[in-house]
Amino acid sequence: MRAEQLLPDHDSVDVRGVTIRKGTVAAFLANARIWSDRASGETARERAAADIVEALPALRASGLFDVLTIIDPALRAWIDAHPLSCSLDEVKR
């Protein structure tokens, strides 16, 4: 299946009641790299963390984590520790 077959002429799709925007997985990958990079500054890591948490419902609804495993054990544990929804204050934990 190609991307345009999932989102023909649209910027998003609803899956199980969750809106998944075009680019969500690519943004997650970029944010995961920032979050995992020890050279990233604290502000960059916090922004990446907030963006990851915001995207988690869509990423989970897409089934991404059902078919792919995050190889960074710290990132995987951090994501697994977040409920389906949480506040921005919880992101900093």
Protein backbone atom coordinates (compact mmCIF):
# COMPACT_ATOMS: atom_id res chain seq x y z
CA MET A 1 0.00 0.00 0.00
CA ARG A 2 1.24 3.49 -0.83
CA ALA A 3 0.73 6.65 1.23
CA GLU A 4 -1.62 8.17 -1.33
CA GLN A 5 -3.86 5.10 -1.04
CA LEU A 6 -4.34 5.78 2.67
CA LEU A 7 -4.67 9.55 2.39
CA PRO A 8 -5.77 10.39 -1.15
CA ASP A 9 -6.13 14.16 -1.40
CA HIS A 10 -6.48 14.46 2.38
CA ASP A 11 -4.19 15.59 5.18
CA SER A 12 -5.56 13.17 7.76
CA VAL A 13 -7.51 9.98 8.31
CA ASP A 14 -9.58 8.81 11.27
CA VAL A 15 -8.68 5.40 12.68
CA ARG A 16 -10.61 4.04 15.65
CA GLY A 17 -11.78 7.55 16.50
CA VAL A 18 -8.29 9.07 16.42
CA THR A 19 -7.19 11.53 13.75
CA ILE A 20 -3.86 10.62 12.19
CA ARG A 21 -2.31 13.47 10.26
CA LYS A 22 -0.08 13.02 7.26
CA GLY A 23 3.54 13.18 8.47
CA THR A 24 2.87 11.89 12.00
CA VAL A 25 5.25 8.94 11.72
CA ALA A 26 7.99 11.02 10.07
CA ALA A 27 7.68 13.66 12.81
CA PHE A 28 7.86 10.93 15.46
CA LEU A 29 11.06 9.56 13.92
CA ALA A 30 12.65 13.02 13.89
CA ASN A 31 11.59 13.66 17.49
CA ALA A 32 12.79 10.23 18.60
CA ARG A 33 16.23 10.99 17.17
CA ILE A 34 16.36 14.29 19.07
CA TRP A 35 15.09 12.71 22.30
CA SER A 36 17.66 9.88 22.06
CA ASP A 37 20.62 12.09 21.12
CA ARG A 38 22.62 12.87 24.25
CA ALA A 39 24.05 15.90 22.45
CA SER A 40 20.57 17.45 22.12
CA GLY A 41 19.97 20.39 24.40
CA GLU A 42 17.45 20.24 27.21
CA THR A 43 15.01 22.56 25.42
CA ALA A 44 15.16 20.49 22.23
CA ARG A 45 14.61 17.26 24.17
CA GLU A 46 11.65 18.74 26.08
CA ARG A 47 10.02 19.95 22.84
CA ALA A 48 10.63 16.56 21.21
CA ALA A 49 9.14 14.83 24.26
CA ALA A 50 6.05 17.03 24.17
CA ASP A 51 5.61 16.39 20.45
CA ILE A 52 6.01 12.62 20.92
CA VAL A 53 3.43 12.53 23.71
CA GLU A 54 1.00 14.58 21.63
CA ALA A 55 1.40 12.10 18.75
CA LEU A 56 1.17 8.91 20.84
CA PRO A 57 -2.58 8.38 20.42
CA ALA A 58 -2.26 8.63 16.63
CA LEU A 59 0.86 6.47 16.55
CA ARG A 60 -0.84 3.80 18.66
CA ALA A 61 -4.04 3.95 16.59
CA SER A 62 -1.98 3.53 13.41
CA GLY A 63 -0.54 0.29 14.79
CA LEU A 64 3.04 1.52 14.45
CA PHE A 65 4.17 -0.05 17.71
CA ASP A 66 2.37 -3.31 16.86
CA VAL A 67 4.73 -3.95 13.96
CA LEU A 68 7.88 -2.00 14.86
CA THR A 69 9.97 -2.08 18.02
CA ILE A 70 11.87 0.94 19.30
CA ILE A 71 15.47 -0.20 19.71
CA ASP A 72 16.52 2.54 22.15
CA PRO A 73 15.59 0.91 25.47
CA ALA A 74 15.29 4.24 27.30
CA LEU A 75 12.95 5.71 24.67
CA ARG A 76 10.91 2.51 24.52
CA ALA A 77 10.49 2.47 28.32
CA TRP A 78 9.63 6.18 28.39
CA ILE A 79 6.94 5.76 25.71
CA ASP A 80 5.57 2.60 27.34
CA ALA A 81 5.27 4.49 30.64
CA HIS A 82 2.95 7.11 29.10
CA PRO A 83 -0.77 6.43 29.19
CA LEU A 84 -2.90 7.00 26.10
CA SER A 85 -3.28 10.61 27.17
CA CYS A 86 -1.38 12.72 29.66
CA SER A 87 -0.73 16.34 30.49
CA LEU A 88 2.27 18.38 29.39
CA ASP A 89 3.48 18.39 33.02
CA GLU A 90 3.71 14.59 32.89
CA VAL A 91 5.97 14.80 29.80
CA LYS A 92 8.84 16.17 31.89
CA ARG A 93 8.97 13.11 34.14
